[in-house]
PDB file of N, CA and C in Angstrom:
ATOM      1  N   MET A   1       0.623  -1.479  -0.081  1.00  0.00           N
ATOM      2  CA  MET A   1      -0.271   0.000   0.408  1.00  0.00           C
ATOM      3  C   MET A   1       0.991   0.939  -0.099  1.00  0.00           C
ATOM      4  N   SER A   2       0.256   2.691  -0.698  1.00  0.00           N
ATOM      5  CA  SER A   2       1.053   3.425  -0.735  1.00  0.00           C
ATOM      6  C   SER A   2       1.476   4.836   0.377  1.00  0.00           C
ATOM      7  N   LYS A   3       2.020   5.354   1.040  1.00  0.00           N
ATOM      8  CA  LYS A   3       1.606   6.332   2.496  1.00  0.00           C
ATOM      9  C   LYS A   3       0.650   6.994   2.061  1.00  0.00           C
ATOM     10  N   HIS A   4       0.361   7.533   0.648  1.00  0.00           N
ATOM     11  CA  HIS A   4      -0.654   8.323   0.662  1.00  0.00           C
ATOM     12  C   HIS A   4      -1.582   7.265   1.032  1.00  0.00           C
ATOM     13  N   GLN A   5      -1.992   6.167   0.894  1.00  0.00           N
ATOM     14  CA  GLN A   5      -3.490   5.021   1.008  1.00  0.00           C
ATOM     15  C   GLN A   5      -3.559   5.013   2.643  1.00  0.00           C
ATOM     16  N   ASP A   6      -2.526   4.669   2.927  1.00  0.00           N
ATOM     17  CA  ASP A   6      -1.754   5.060   4.112  1.00  0.00           C
ATOM     18  C   ASP A   6      -2.244   6.417   5.844  1.00  0.00           C
ATOM     19  N   ILE A   7      -2.275   7.469   4.964  1.00  0.00           N
ATOM     20  CA  ILE A   7      -2.246   8.538   5.745  1.00  0.00           C
ATOM     21  C   ILE A   7      -4.086   8.454   5.443  1.00  0.00           C
ATOM     22  N   LEU A   8      -4.388   8.161   4.384  1.00  0.00           N
ATOM     23  CA  LEU A   8      -6.082   7.887   4.112  1.00  0.00           C
ATOM     24  C   LEU A   8      -6.342   6.944   5.454  1.00  0.00           C
ATOM     25  N   ASP A   9      -6.208   5.849   4.940  1.00  0.00           N
ATOM     26  CA  ASP A   9      -7.554   5.000   5.893  1.00  0.00           C
ATOM     27  C   ASP A   9      -6.216   5.178   8.056  1.00  0.00           C
ATOM     28  N   TYR A  10      -5.671   5.969   7.913  1.00  0.00           N
ATOM     29  CA  TYR A  10      -4.977   6.473   8.911  1.00  0.00           C
ATOM     30  C   TYR A  10      -6.047   7.396   9.414  1.00  0.00           C
ATOM     31  N   LEU A  11      -6.487   8.554   8.547  1.00  0.00           N
ATOM     32  CA  LEU A  11      -7.869   9.864   9.095  1.00  0.00           C
ATOM     33  C   LEU A  11      -9.255   8.877   9.219  1.00  0.00           C
ATOM     34  N   GLU A  12      -9.101   8.171   8.369  1.00  0.00           N
ATOM     35  CA  GLU A  12     -10.419   7.011   8.052  1.00  0.00           C
ATOM     36  C   GLU A  12     -10.883   6.928   9.660  1.00  0.00           C
ATOM     37  N   ASN A  13      -9.806   6.004   9.952  1.00  0.00           N
ATOM     38  CA  ASN A  13     -10.022   5.521  11.184  1.00  0.00           C
ATOM     39  C   ASN A  13      -9.278   6.389  12.936  1.00  0.00           C
ATOM     40  N   LEU A  14      -9.264   7.687  12.358  1.00  0.00           N
ATOM     41  CA  LEU A  14      -9.551   8.716  13.804  1.00  0.00           C
ATOM     42  C   LEU A  14     -11.465   9.179  14.304  1.00  0.00           C
ATOM     43  N   ALA A  15     -11.070   9.119  15.380  1.00  0.00           N
ATOM     44  CA  ALA A  15     -12.466   9.417  15.752  1.00  0.00           C
ATOM     45  C   ALA A  15     -13.132  10.466  15.090  1.00  0.00           C
ATOM     46  N   ILE A  16     -14.341  10.895  15.159  1.00  0.00           N
ATOM     47  CA  ILE A  16     -14.712  12.264  14.800  1.00  0.00           C
ATOM     48  C   ILE A  16     -14.856  13.261  15.311  1.00  0.00           C
ATOM     49  N   GLY A  17     -14.370  14.642  15.400  1.00  0.00           N
ATOM     50  CA  GLY A  17     -13.776  15.445  16.436  1.00  0.00           C
ATOM     51  C   GLY A  17     -12.075  15.850  16.142  1.00  0.00           C
ATOM     52  N   ASN A  18     -11.600  14.399  16.228  1.00  0.00           N
ATOM     53  CA  ASN A  18      -9.748  14.697  16.634  1.00  0.00           C
ATOM     54  C   ASN A  18      -9.463  15.584  15.563  1.00  0.00           C
ATOM     55  N   ARG A  19      -8.672  16.485  16.135  1.00  0.00           N
ATOM     56  CA  ARG A  19      -8.071  17.027  15.311  1.00  0.00           C
ATOM     57  C   ARG A  19      -6.419  16.341  14.908  1.00  0.00           C
ATOM     58  N   VAL A  20      -6.311  17.155  13.379  1.00  0.00           N
ATOM     59  CA  VAL A  20      -5.368  16.808  12.679  1.00  0.00           C
ATOM     60  C   VAL A  20      -4.313  17.661  12.057  1.00  0.00           C
ATOM     61  N   SER A  21      -2.956  17.372  11.958  1.00  0.00           N
ATOM     62  CA  SER A  21      -1.973  18.438  11.268  1.00  0.00           C
ATOM     63  C   SER A  21      -1.315  17.558  10.288  1.00  0.00           C
ATOM     64  N   VAL A  22      -0.577  18.696   9.391  1.00  0.00           N
ATOM     65  CA  VAL A  22       0.591  18.136   8.378  1.00  0.00           C
ATOM     66  C   VAL A  22       1.536  17.765   9.404  1.00  0.00           C
ATOM     67  N   ARG A  23       2.288  18.694  10.171  1.00  0.00           N
ATOM     68  CA  ARG A  23       3.592  17.815  11.184  1.00  0.00           C
ATOM     69  C   ARG A  23       3.203  16.940  11.705  1.00  0.00           C
ATOM     70  N   SER A  24       1.838  16.462  12.514  1.00  0.00           N
ATOM     71  CA  SER A  24       1.478  15.533  13.483  1.00  0.00           C
ATOM     72  C   SER A  24       1.362  14.108  12.738  1.00  0.00           C
ATOM     73  N   ILE A  25       0.999  14.267  11.784  1.00  0.00           N
ATOM     74  CA  ILE A  25       1.055  12.804  10.412  1.00  0.00           C
ATOM     75  C   ILE A  25       2.150  12.546   9.801  1.00  0.00           C
ATOM     76  N   SER A  26       2.914  13.748   9.487  1.00  0.00           N
ATOM     77  CA  SER A  26       4.184  13.402   9.278  1.00  0.00           C
ATOM     78  C   SER A  26       4.876  12.594  10.276  1.00  0.00           C
ATOM     79  N   ASN A  27       4.680  13.220  11.304  1.00  0.00           N
ATOM     80  CA  ASN A  27       5.786  12.721  12.346  1.00  0.00           C
ATOM     81  C   ASN A  27       5.166  11.147  12.898  1.00  0.00           C
ATOM     82  N   HIS A  28       4.015  10.947  13.382  1.00  0.00           N
ATOM     83  CA  HIS A  28       3.609   9.956  14.049  1.00  0.00           C
ATOM     84  C   HIS A  28       3.786   8.726  12.744  1.00  0.00           C
ATOM     85  N   LEU A  29       3.428   9.081  11.385  1.00  0.00           N
ATOM     86  CA  LEU A  29       3.350   7.894  10.321  1.00  0.00           C
ATOM     87  C   LEU A  29       4.545   7.882   9.529  1.00  0.00           C
ATOM     88  N   HIS A  30       5.839   8.456   9.937  1.00  0.00           N
ATOM     89  CA  HIS A  30       6.814   8.782   9.264  1.00  0.00           C
ATOM     90  C   HIS A  30       7.226   8.698   7.638  1.00  0.00           C
ATOM     91  N   VAL A  31       6.506  10.298   7.216  1.00  0.00           N
ATOM     92  CA  VAL A  31       5.684  10.209   5.896  1.00  0.00           C
ATOM     93  C   VAL A  31       6.783  12.211   5.577  1.00  0.00           C
ATOM     94  N   SER A  32       6.698  12.294   4.367  1.00  0.00           N
ATOM     95  CA  SER A  32       6.977  14.080   4.244  1.00  0.00           C
ATOM     96  C   SER A  32       5.725  14.797   4.841  1.00  0.00           C
ATOM     97  N   GLU A  33       6.263  15.595   4.952  1.00  0.00           N
ATOM     98  CA  GLU A  33       5.053  17.006   5.562  1.00  0.00           C
ATOM     99  C   GLU A  33       4.786  17.088   3.818  1.00  0.00           C
ATOM    100  N   GLY A  34       5.121  16.895   2.603  1.00  0.00           N
ATOM    101  CA  GLY A  34       4.352  16.923   1.290  1.00  0.00           C
ATOM    102  C   GLY A  34       3.423  15.729   1.362  1.00  0.00           C
ATOM    103  N   THR A  35       3.476  14.932   1.317  1.00  0.00           N
ATOM    104  CA  THR A  35       3.078  13.591   1.386  1.00  0.00           C
ATOM    105  C   THR A  35       1.996  13.692   2.287  1.00  0.00           C
ATOM    106  N   ALA A  36       2.087  14.042   3.587  1.00  0.00           N
ATOM    107  CA  ALA A  36       0.935  14.245   4.281  1.00  0.00           C
ATOM    108  C   ALA A  36      -0.654  15.441   3.946  1.00  0.00           C
ATOM    109  N   TYR A  37       0.265  16.439   3.501  1.00  0.00           N
ATOM    110  CA  TYR A  37      -0.271  17.727   3.105  1.00  0.00           C
ATOM    111  C   TYR A  37      -1.163  17.206   2.017  1.00  0.00           C
ATOM    112  N   ARG A  38      -0.370  16.656   1.161  1.00  0.00           N
ATOM    113  CA  ARG A  38      -1.652  16.009  -0.331  1.00  0.00           C
ATOM    114  C   ARG A  38      -2.542  14.787   0.093  1.00  0.00           C
ATOM    115  N   ALA A  39      -2.342  14.198   1.154  1.00  0.00           N
ATOM    116  CA  ALA A  39      -3.162  13.356   1.886  1.00  0.00           C
ATOM    117  C   ALA A  39      -4.423  14.086   1.893  1.00  0.00           C
ATOM    118  N   ILE A  40      -4.089  14.912   3.712  1.00  0.00           N
ATOM    119  CA  ILE A  40      -5.191  15.230   3.847  1.00  0.00           C
ATOM    120  C   ILE A  40      -5.872  16.391   2.615  1.00  0.00           C
ATOM    121  N   LYS A  41      -5.215  16.820   1.464  1.00  0.00           N
ATOM    122  CA  LYS A  41      -6.090  17.361   0.863  1.00  0.00           C
ATOM    123  C   LYS A  41      -7.250  16.995  -0.256  1.00  0.00           C
ATOM    124  N   GLU A  42      -6.511  15.741   0.060  1.00  0.00           N
ATOM    125  CA  GLU A  42      -7.725  14.426  -1.009  1.00  0.00           C
ATOM    126  C   GLU A  42      -8.704  13.883   0.411  1.00  0.00           C
ATOM    127  N   ALA A  43      -7.921  13.835   1.502  1.00  0.00           N
ATOM    128  CA  ALA A  43      -9.571  13.467   2.708  1.00  0.00           C
ATOM    129  C   ALA A  43     -10.435  14.689   2.760  1.00  0.00           C
ATOM    130  N   GLU A  44     -10.300  15.991   2.181  1.00  0.00           N
ATOM    131  CA  GLU A  44     -10.969  16.846   2.818  1.00  0.00           C
ATOM    132  C   GLU A  44     -11.981  16.887   1.217  1.00  0.00           C
ATOM    133  N   LYS A  45     -11.541  16.081   0.011  1.00  0.00           N
ATOM    134  CA  LYS A  45     -12.493  16.273  -1.092  1.00  0.00           C
ATOM    135  C   LYS A  45     -13.463  15.346  -0.613  1.00  0.00           C
ATOM    136  N   ARG A  46     -12.762  13.865  -0.604  1.00  0.00           N
ATOM    137  CA  ARG A  46     -13.443  13.133  -0.207  1.00  0.00           C
ATOM    138  C   ARG A  46     -14.773  13.116   1.351  1.00  0.00           C
ATOM    139  N   GLY A  47     -14.699  14.109   1.715  1.00  0.00           N
ATOM    140  CA  GLY A  47     -15.107  14.513   3.002  1.00  0.00           C
ATOM    141  C   GLY A  47     -14.938  13.696   3.952  1.00  0.00           C
ATOM    142  N   ILE A  48     -13.645  13.947   4.521  1.00  0.00           N
ATOM    143  CA  ILE A  48     -13.375  13.040   5.341  1.00  0.00           C
ATOM    144  C   ILE A  48     -12.955  13.841   6.742  1.00  0.00           C
ATOM    145  N   VAL A  49     -11.996  15.075   6.269  1.00  0.00           N
ATOM    146  CA  VAL A  49     -11.845  16.238   7.161  1.00  0.00           C
ATOM    147  C   VAL A  49     -12.718  17.323   6.400  1.00  0.00           C
ATOM    148  N   GLU A  50     -12.521  18.286   7.296  1.00  0.00           N
ATOM    149  CA  GLU A  50     -12.606  19.023   7.293  1.00  0.00           C
ATOM    150  C   GLU A  50     -12.204  21.081   7.469  1.00  0.00           C
ATOM    151  N   THR A  51     -11.134  21.454   6.694  1.00  0.00           N
ATOM    152  CA  THR A  51     -10.536  22.492   7.771  1.00  0.00           C
ATOM    153  C   THR A  51     -11.405  23.992   7.979  1.00  0.00           C
ATOM    154  N   LYS A  52     -11.027  24.179   9.320  1.00  0.00           N
ATOM    155  CA  LYS A  52     -11.889  25.106   9.837  1.00  0.00           C
ATOM    156  C   LYS A  52     -11.136  26.443   9.970  1.00  0.00           C
ATOM    157  N   PRO A  53     -11.589  27.989   9.746  1.00  0.00           N
ATOM    158  CA  PRO A  53     -10.620  28.726  10.218  1.00  0.00           C
ATOM    159  C   PRO A  53     -10.550  28.489  11.845  1.00  0.00           C
ATOM    160  N   ARG A  54      -8.829  29.337  11.977  1.00  0.00           N
ATOM    161  CA  ARG A  54      -9.167  29.081  13.705  1.00  0.00           C
ATOM    162  C   ARG A  54      -8.969  27.522  14.133  1.00  0.00           C
ATOM    163  N   SER A  55      -9.169  26.879  13.565  1.00  0.00           N
ATOM    164  CA  SER A  55      -9.550  25.595  14.411  1.00  0.00           C
ATOM    165  C   SER A  55      -8.933  24.466  14.131  1.00  0.00           C
ATOM    166  N   GLY A  56      -8.320  24.422  12.873  1.00  0.00           N
ATOM    167  CA  GLY A  56      -7.627  23.836  11.795  1.00  0.00           C
ATOM    168  C   GLY A  56      -8.349  22.481  10.843  1.00  0.00           C
ATOM    169  N   THR A  57      -7.899  21.162  10.852  1.00  0.00           N
ATOM    170  CA  THR A  57      -8.142  19.880  10.110  1.00  0.00           C
ATOM    171  C   THR A  57      -8.902  19.563  11.157  1.00  0.00           C
ATOM    172  N   VAL A  58      -9.873  18.832  10.662  1.00  0.00           N
ATOM    173  CA  VAL A  58     -10.796  18.092  12.411  1.00  0.00           C
ATOM    174  C   VAL A  58     -11.469  16.922  10.934  1.00  0.00           C
ATOM    175  N   ARG A  59     -11.415  15.713  11.882  1.00  0.00           N
ATOM    176  CA  ARG A  59     -12.400  14.323  10.805  1.00  0.00           C
ATOM    177  C   ARG A  59     -13.644  14.469  11.518  1.00  0.00           C
ATOM    178  N   ILE A  60     -14.269  14.546  10.060  1.00  0.00           N
ATOM    179  CA  ILE A  60     -15.609  14.621  10.463  1.00  0.00           C
ATOM    180  C   ILE A  60     -16.665  13.726   9.995  1.00  0.00           C
ATOM    181  N   ALA A  61     -17.832  13.384  10.474  1.00  0.00           N
ATOM    182  CA  ALA A  61     -18.301  12.330   9.593  1.00  0.00           C
ATOM    183  C   ALA A  61     -18.914  12.427   8.151  1.00  0.00           C
ATOM    184  N   GLN A  62     -19.080  11.229   7.901  1.00  0.00           N
ATOM    185  CA  GLN A  62     -19.342  11.732   5.994  1.00  0.00           C
ATOM    186  C   GLN A  62     -20.956  12.053   5.838  1.00  0.00           C
ATOM    187  N   ALA A  63     -20.623  12.692   5.025  1.00  0.00           N
ATOM    188  CA  ALA A  63     -22.490  13.112   4.964  1.00  0.00           C
ATOM    189  C   ALA A  63     -22.688  11.855   3.659  1.00  0.00           C
ATOM    190  N   ASN A  64     -24.177  11.477   3.870  1.00  0.00           N
ATOM    191  CA  ASN A  64     -24.586  10.363   3.004  1.00  0.00           C
ATOM    192  C   ASN A  64     -24.983  11.039   1.714  1.00  0.00           C
ATOM    193  N   LYS A  65     -24.228  10.912   0.789  1.00  0.00           N
ATOM    194  CA  LYS A  65     -24.828  11.206  -1.101  1.00  0.00           C
ATOM    195  C   LYS A  65     -25.879  10.847  -1.452  1.00  0.00           C
ATOM    196  N   VAL A  66     -27.171  11.293  -1.821  1.00  0.00           N
ATOM    197  CA  VAL A  66     -28.091  11.141  -2.452  1.00  0.00           C
ATOM    198  C   VAL A  66     -28.263  10.960  -4.135  1.00  0.00           C
ATOM    199  N   GLN A  67     -28.155  10.162  -5.010  1.00  0.00           N
ATOM    200  CA  GLN A  67     -28.089  10.465  -6.355  1.00  0.00           C
ATOM    201  C   GLN A  67     -29.152   9.892  -6.999  1.00  0.00           C
ATOM    202  N   ILE A  68     -29.541  10.730  -7.187  1.00  0.00           N
ATOM    203  CA  ILE A  68     -31.381  10.096  -8.454  1.00  0.00           C
ATOM    204  C   ILE A  68     -31.304  10.464  -9.660  1.00  0.00           C
ATOM    205  N   GLU A  69     -31.108   9.424 -10.174  1.00  0.00           N
ATOM    206  CA  GLU A  69     -31.300   9.137 -11.182  1.00  0.00           C
ATOM    207  C   GLU A  69     -31.794   9.820 -12.014  1.00  0.00           C
ATOM    208  N   THR A  70     -33.585   9.674 -11.994  1.00  0.00           N
ATOM    209  CA  THR A  70     -33.925  10.471 -12.728  1.00  0.00           C
ATOM    210  C   THR A  70     -35.127  11.487 -11.616  1.00  0.00           C
ATOM    211  N   GLN A  71     -35.093  12.601 -12.617  1.00  0.00           N
ATOM    212  CA  GLN A  71     -36.151  13.356 -11.270  1.00  0.00           C
ATOM    213  C   GLN A  71     -36.837  14.023 -12.487  1.00  0.00           C
ATOM    214  N   THR A  72     -38.202  14.501 -11.526  1.00  0.00           N
ATOM    215  CA  THR A  72     -39.124  15.378 -12.350  1.00  0.00           C
ATOM    216  C   THR A  72     -39.416  16.479 -11.957  1.00  0.00           C
ATOM    217  N   TYR A  73     -40.572  17.300 -12.121  1.00  0.00           N
ATOM    218  CA  TYR A  73     -40.734  18.716 -11.902  1.00  0.00           C
ATOM    219  C   TYR A  73     -41.546  19.177 -10.413  1.00  0.00           C
ATOM    220  N   SER A  74     -42.051  17.889 -10.522  1.00  0.00           N
ATOM    221  CA  SER A  74     -42.545  17.669  -8.945  1.00  0.00           C
ATOM    222  C   SER A  74     -41.440  17.668  -7.821  1.00  0.00           C
ATOM    223  N   GLU A  75     -40.343  16.730  -8.282  1.00  0.00           N
ATOM    224  CA  GLU A  75     -38.969  16.984  -7.225  1.00  0.00           C
ATOM    225  C   GLU A  75     -38.902  18.102  -7.326  1.00  0.00           C
ATOM    226  N   ILE A  76     -38.874  18.847  -8.216  1.00  0.00           N
ATOM    227  CA  ILE A  76     -37.771  19.583  -8.231  1.00  0.00           C
ATOM    228  C   ILE A  76     -38.481  21.131  -7.020  1.00  0.00           C
ATOM    229  N   ALA A  77     -39.922  20.765  -7.301  1.00  0.00           N
ATOM    230  CA  ALA A  77     -40.337  21.537  -6.971  1.00  0.00           C
ATOM    231  C   ALA A  77     -40.595  21.618  -5.813  1.00  0.00           C
ATOM    232  N   ARG A  78     -40.817  20.405  -4.972  1.00  0.00           N
ATOM    233  CA  ARG A  78     -40.543  19.691  -3.701  1.00  0.00           C
ATOM    234  C   ARG A  78     -39.509  19.809  -2.630  1.00  0.00           C
ATOM    235  N   ILE A  79     -38.354  19.503  -3.301  1.00  0.00           N
ATOM    236  CA  ILE A  79     -36.957  20.538  -2.752  1.00  0.00           C
ATOM    237  C   ILE A  79     -36.841  21.387  -2.759  1.00  0.00           C
ATOM    238  N   SER A  80     -37.131  22.462  -3.735  1.00  0.00           N
ATOM    239  CA  SER A  80     -36.846  23.883  -4.038  1.00  0.00           C
ATOM    240  C   SER A  80     -37.731  24.422  -2.822  1.00  0.00           C
ATOM    241  N   ASP A  81     -38.514  23.490  -1.789  1.00  0.00           N
ATOM    242  CA  ASP A  81     -40.193  24.014  -1.373  1.00  0.00           C
ATOM    243  C   ASP A  81     -40.435  25.639  -2.343  1.00  0.00           C
ATOM    244  N   SER A  82     -40.909  25.181  -3.451  1.00  0.00           N
ATOM    245  CA  SER A  82     -41.480  25.946  -4.785  1.00  0.00           C
ATOM    246  C   SER A  82     -42.629  26.285  -4.478  1.00  0.00           C
ATOM    247  N   GLU A  83     -43.791  27.103  -4.850  1.00  0.00           N
ATOM    248  CA  GLU A  83     -44.730  27.082  -4.549  1.00  0.00           C
ATOM    249  C   GLU A  83     -45.334  27.072  -6.471  1.00  0.00           C
ATOM    250  N   VAL A  84     -46.045  25.598  -7.163  1.00  0.00           N
ATOM    251  CA  VAL A  84     -46.154  25.718  -8.699  1.00  0.00           C
ATOM    252  C   VAL A  84     -47.125  26.767  -9.030  1.00  0.00           C
ATOM    253  N   LEU A  85     -47.012  27.623 -10.123  1.00  0.00           N
ATOM    254  CA  LEU A  85     -48.332  28.401 -10.447  1.00  0.00           C
ATOM    255  C   LEU A  85     -49.229  28.073 -11.433  1.00  0.00           C
ATOM    256  N   ALA A  86     -48.306  27.319 -12.885  1.00  0.00           N
ATOM    257  CA  ALA A  86     -48.984  26.727 -13.339  1.00  0.00           C
ATOM    258  C   ALA A  86     -47.818  25.952 -13.844  1.00  0.00           C
ATOM    259  N   GLY A  87     -48.939  24.899 -15.013  1.00  0.00           N
ATOM    260  CA  GLY A  87     -47.636  23.680 -15.619  1.00  0.00           C
ATOM    261  C   GLY A  87     -48.329  22.655 -14.918  1.00  0.00           C
ATOM    262  N   GLU A  88     -49.476  22.250 -13.746  1.00  0.00           N
ATOM    263  CA  GLU A  88     -49.570  21.279 -12.635  1.00  0.00           C
ATOM    264  C   GLU A  88     -49.680  20.078 -13.478  1.00  0.00           C
ATOM    265  N   ALA A  89     -50.044  20.006 -15.314  1.00  0.00           N
ATOM    266  CA  ALA A  89     -50.212  18.681 -15.704  1.00  0.00           C
ATOM    267  C   ALA A  89     -48.703  18.284 -16.210  1.00  0.00           C
ATOM    268  N   GLY A  90     -47.793  19.025 -15.825  1.00  0.00           N
ATOM    269  CA  GLY A  90     -46.611  18.449 -16.647  1.00  0.00           C
ATOM    270  C   GLY A  90     -45.431  18.286 -15.370  1.00  0.00           C
ATOM    271  N   LEU A  91     -46.048  18.678 -14.362  1.00  0.00           N
ATOM    272  CA  LEU A  91     -44.669  18.124 -13.089  1.00  0.00           C
ATOM    273  C   LEU A  91     -44.664  16.351 -13.291  1.00  0.00           C
ATOM    274  N   SER A  92     -45.033  15.020 -13.326  1.00  0.00           N
ATOM    275  CA  SER A  92     -44.941  14.144 -13.706  1.00  0.00           C
ATOM    276  C   SER A  92     -43.577  13.806 -14.908  1.00  0.00           C
ATOM    277  N   GLN A  93     -43.507  14.915 -15.738  1.00  0.00           N
ATOM    278  CA  GLN A  93     -42.579  14.413 -16.400  1.00  0.00           C
ATOM    279  C   GLN A  93     -40.848  14.673 -16.291  1.00  0.00           C
ATOM    280  N   GLU A  94     -40.022  14.208 -16.803  1.00  0.00           N
ATOM    281  CA  GLU A  94     -38.655  14.000 -16.152  1.00  0.00           C
ATOM    282  C   GLU A  94     -38.154  15.275 -16.771  1.00  0.00           C
ATOM    283  N   VAL A  95     -36.948  15.849 -15.910  1.00  0.00           N
ATOM    284  CA  VAL A  95     -36.352  16.590 -16.416  1.00  0.00           C
ATOM    285  C   VAL A  95     -35.161  16.174 -17.060  1.00  0.00           C
ATOM    286  N   SER A  96     -34.653  16.736 -18.211  1.00  0.00           N
ATOM    287  CA  SER A  96     -33.246  16.953 -17.920  1.00  0.00           C
ATOM    288  C   SER A  96     -32.485  18.480 -18.150  1.00  0.00           C
ATOM    289  N   LYS A  97     -33.390  19.251 -18.356  1.00  0.00           N
ATOM    290  CA  LYS A  97     -32.202  20.664 -17.757  1.00  0.00           C
ATOM    291  C   LYS A  97     -33.520  21.639 -17.120  1.00  0.00           C
ATOM    292  N   PHE A  98     -33.062  23.065 -16.817  1.00  0.00           N
ATOM    293  CA  PHE A  98     -34.009  23.191 -16.083  1.00  0.00           C
ATOM    294  C   PHE A  98     -33.402  24.639 -15.088  1.00  0.00           C
ATOM    295  N   SER A  99     -34.157  25.961 -15.343  1.00  0.00           N
ATOM    296  CA  SER A  99     -33.468  26.689 -14.735  1.00  0.00           C
ATOM    297  C   SER A  99     -34.779  27.152 -13.408  1.00  0.00           C
ATOM    298  N   ILE A 100     -34.420  28.092 -12.697  1.00  0.00           N
ATOM    299  CA  ILE A 100     -35.394  28.752 -11.857  1.00  0.00           C
ATOM    300  C   ILE A 100     -35.487  29.992 -12.057  1.00  0.00           C
ATOM    301  N   GLY A 101     -36.218  30.448 -11.892  1.00  0.00           N
ATOM    302  CA  GLY A 101     -36.734  32.234 -12.137  1.00  0.00           C
ATOM    303  C   GLY A 101     -37.941  31.866 -11.108  1.00  0.00           C
ATOM    304  N   ALA A 102     -37.327  33.078 -10.033  1.00  0.00           N
ATOM    305  CA  ALA A 102     -38.196  33.903  -8.565  1.00  0.00           C
ATOM    306  C   ALA A 102     -38.857  35.087  -9.351  1.00  0.00           C
ATOM    307  N   MET A 103     -40.154  34.994  -9.213  1.00  0.00           N
ATOM    308  CA  MET A 103     -40.814  36.410  -9.635  1.00  0.00           C
ATOM    309  C   MET A 103     -41.961  36.559  -8.595  1.00  0.00           C
ATOM    310  N   THR A 104     -42.231  37.947  -8.542  1.00  0.00           N
ATOM    311  CA  THR A 104     -44.060  38.371  -7.901  1.00  0.00           C
ATOM    312  C   THR A 104     -44.698  37.803  -8.061  1.00  0.00           C
ATOM    313  N   ARG A 105     -46.054  37.379  -7.911  1.00  0.00           N
ATOM    314  CA  ARG A 105     -47.157  37.092  -8.507  1.00  0.00           C
ATOM    315  C   ARG A 105     -47.812  38.161  -9.885  1.00  0.00           C
ATOM    316  N   GLY A 106     -47.021  39.454  -9.274  1.00  0.00           N
ATOM    317  CA  GLY A 106     -47.764  40.511 -10.063  1.00  0.00           C
ATOM    318  C   GLY A 106     -47.216  40.285 -11.819  1.00  0.00           C
ATOM    319  N   ASN A 107     -45.760  39.733 -11.755  1.00  0.00           N
ATOM    320  CA  ASN A 107     -45.057  40.409 -12.711  1.00  0.00           C
ATOM    321  C   ASN A 107     -45.079  38.590 -13.892  1.00  0.00           C
ATOM    322  N   ILE A 108     -45.464  37.462 -13.021  1.00  0.00           N
ATOM    323  CA  ILE A 108     -46.066  36.126 -13.750  1.00  0.00           C
ATOM    324  C   ILE A 108     -46.623  36.307 -14.932  1.00  0.00           C
ATOM    325  N   GLY A 109     -47.778  37.239 -14.923  1.00  0.00           N
ATOM    326  CA  GLY A 109     -48.439  37.552 -15.871  1.00  0.00           C
ATOM    327  C   GLY A 109     -47.698  37.748 -17.096  1.00  0.00           C
ATOM    328  N   ARG A 110     -46.567  38.269 -17.137  1.00  0.00           N
ATOM    329  CA  ARG A 110     -46.199  38.641 -18.527  1.00  0.00           C
ATOM    330  C   ARG A 110     -45.048  36.844 -19.279  1.00  0.00           C
ATOM    331  N   TYR A 111     -44.924  35.941 -18.041  1.00  0.00           N
ATOM    332  CA  TYR A 111     -44.213  35.147 -18.880  1.00  0.00           C
ATOM    333  C   TYR A 111     -44.545  34.076 -19.081  1.00  0.00           C
TER     334      TYR A 111
END
């Protein structure tokens, strides 16, 4: 296994809320600070750690990602907590592209 992967495994096994630093990982796992830095940045991308201002880098719980394969106009309205003013007949159709516009009831007549 690579040093990079060793660091990622180490970070995944840390308790939630533990603080980490490039220097502490470098010393603990006997790797260069550059290798530790790159692994921490990769862990941030994966959602394993988060760097907070004035607190440093902290181990966080990973959020569950929800993947929606097909989406309808109705689901978009529900997710965005929107009120549908027209076109209720098409709410069950699948969406491939959309944009959201916000306006007052008075201005909707022009569109």
